[in-house]
Every structure is written in C-alpha cells, then in structure tokens.
Amino acid sequence: MAERSPATRRTLWLALVLVFAFLYIPIAVLVALSFNEGGLAFR
C-alpha cells in the first residue's frame, strides 16, 4: 500500500472532522436546547 502525502492526509482528516461535526453538532444543539424552560430557544 502506497504512503499518502502529508497534504492528502490533512485533507482526509479535515473531511473526517467536517463529517463528524455535521453529524454531531445538531445533536448537541438539540440536547442543549431541551433544557430550555421557554417555548422558544431565543427568549
């Protein structure tokens, strides 16, 4: 198996981080907002 260049490695890590952020940030926001007593999140 060929060794990947450092630039390719960084690009793959960045893509991985972005995918996990896209999946888990909305879940974290929902959990945080579920403790809100009001009906709206911005009041």
N, C-alpha and C. Protein backbone atom coordinates (compact mmCIF):
# COMPACT_ATOMS: atom_id res chain seq x y z
N MET A 1 0.85 -1.18 0.00
CA MET A 1 0.00 0.00 0.00
C MET A 1 0.89 1.24 0.00
N ALA A 2 0.59 2.17 -0.87
CA ALA A 2 1.41 3.38 -1.01
C ALA A 2 1.15 4.35 0.14
N GLU A 3 2.20 5.01 0.57
CA GLU A 3 2.09 6.02 1.63
C GLU A 3 1.47 7.29 1.05
N ARG A 4 0.54 7.88 1.79
CA ARG A 4 -0.11 9.11 1.33
C ARG A 4 0.76 10.31 1.67
N SER A 5 0.65 11.33 0.84
CA SER A 5 1.41 12.55 1.10
C SER A 5 0.80 13.29 2.29
N PRO A 6 1.57 14.15 2.95
CA PRO A 6 1.03 14.90 4.10
C PRO A 6 -0.18 15.77 3.74
N ALA A 7 -0.18 16.34 2.55
CA ALA A 7 -1.32 17.18 2.14
C ALA A 7 -2.59 16.32 2.01
N THR A 8 -2.45 15.14 1.46
CA THR A 8 -3.60 14.25 1.31
C THR A 8 -4.10 13.80 2.68
N ARG A 9 -3.15 13.52 3.57
CA ARG A 9 -3.51 13.11 4.92
C ARG A 9 -4.28 14.21 5.65
N ARG A 10 -3.83 15.46 5.53
CA ARG A 10 -4.53 16.58 6.17
C ARG A 10 -5.92 16.77 5.57
N THR A 11 -6.02 16.61 4.26
CA THR A 11 -7.32 16.76 3.60
C THR A 11 -8.30 15.69 4.07
N LEU A 12 -7.84 14.47 4.21
CA LEU A 12 -8.71 13.40 4.69
C LEU A 12 -9.15 13.63 6.14
N TRP A 13 -8.22 14.09 6.99
CA TRP A 13 -8.58 14.39 8.38
C TRP A 13 -9.58 15.54 8.45
N LEU A 14 -9.38 16.56 7.61
CA LEU A 14 -10.31 17.68 7.59
C LEU A 14 -11.70 17.22 7.16
N ALA A 15 -11.77 16.38 6.14
CA ALA A 15 -13.06 15.85 5.69
C ALA A 15 -13.72 15.03 6.78
N LEU A 16 -12.95 14.23 7.48
CA LEU A 16 -13.48 13.42 8.57
C LEU A 16 -14.04 14.29 9.69
N VAL A 17 -13.30 15.32 10.07
CA VAL A 17 -13.74 16.23 11.12
C VAL A 17 -15.01 16.96 10.70
N LEU A 18 -15.09 17.40 9.46
CA LEU A 18 -16.28 18.10 8.99
C LEU A 18 -17.50 17.19 8.98
N VAL A 19 -17.32 15.94 8.59
CA VAL A 19 -18.45 15.00 8.58
C VAL A 19 -18.94 14.75 9.99
N PHE A 20 -18.02 14.52 10.93
CA PHE A 20 -18.44 14.30 12.31
C PHE A 20 -19.09 15.56 12.89
N ALA A 21 -18.58 16.73 12.57
CA ALA A 21 -19.19 17.97 13.05
C ALA A 21 -20.60 18.12 12.48
N PHE A 22 -20.76 17.81 11.20
CA PHE A 22 -22.07 17.90 10.56
C PHE A 22 -23.07 16.96 11.23
N LEU A 23 -22.61 15.81 11.70
CA LEU A 23 -23.50 14.85 12.32
C LEU A 23 -23.78 15.15 13.79
N TYR A 24 -22.77 15.60 14.53
CA TYR A 24 -22.91 15.69 15.98
C TYR A 24 -23.26 17.07 16.51
N ILE A 25 -22.96 18.14 15.80
CA ILE A 25 -23.31 19.48 16.29
C ILE A 25 -24.83 19.65 16.40
N PRO A 26 -25.62 19.22 15.41
CA PRO A 26 -27.08 19.35 15.60
C PRO A 26 -27.60 18.56 16.79
N ILE A 27 -27.04 17.40 17.06
CA ILE A 27 -27.45 16.62 18.22
C ILE A 27 -27.12 17.37 19.50
N ALA A 28 -25.93 17.95 19.58
CA ALA A 28 -25.53 18.71 20.76
C ALA A 28 -26.43 19.92 20.96
N VAL A 29 -26.81 20.59 19.88
CA VAL A 29 -27.70 21.75 19.98
C VAL A 29 -29.06 21.32 20.50
N LEU A 30 -29.59 20.21 20.01
CA LEU A 30 -30.88 19.72 20.49
C LEU A 30 -30.84 19.36 21.96
N VAL A 31 -29.77 18.74 22.39
CA VAL A 31 -29.64 18.39 23.81
C VAL A 31 -29.56 19.66 24.65
N ALA A 32 -28.78 20.63 24.22
CA ALA A 32 -28.65 21.88 24.98
C ALA A 32 -29.98 22.62 25.04
N LEU A 33 -30.72 22.66 23.94
CA LEU A 33 -31.99 23.39 23.92
C LEU A 33 -33.11 22.64 24.62
N SER A 34 -32.95 21.36 24.85
CA SER A 34 -34.01 20.60 25.51
C SER A 34 -34.14 20.99 26.98
N PHE A 35 -33.13 21.65 27.55
CA PHE A 35 -33.20 22.09 28.94
C PHE A 35 -33.79 23.48 29.07
N ASN A 36 -34.17 24.10 27.96
CA ASN A 36 -34.75 25.43 27.98
C ASN A 36 -36.20 25.34 28.49
N GLU A 37 -36.56 26.20 29.45
CA GLU A 37 -37.92 26.16 30.01
C GLU A 37 -38.94 26.84 29.12
N GLY A 38 -38.51 27.82 28.35
CA GLY A 38 -39.43 28.56 27.50
C GLY A 38 -39.80 27.78 26.24
N GLY A 39 -40.76 28.33 25.52
CA GLY A 39 -41.19 27.68 24.29
C GLY A 39 -40.23 27.92 23.14
N LEU A 40 -39.55 29.07 23.16
CA LEU A 40 -38.63 29.40 22.09
C LEU A 40 -37.18 29.35 22.60
N ALA A 41 -36.28 29.03 21.72
CA ALA A 41 -34.88 28.90 22.14
C ALA A 41 -34.21 30.25 22.32
N PHE A 42 -34.79 31.32 21.76
CA PHE A 42 -34.11 32.61 21.74
C PHE A 42 -34.67 33.59 22.76
N ARG A 43 -35.51 33.17 23.65
CA ARG A 43 -36.06 34.06 24.67
C ARG A 43 -35.47 33.78 26.00
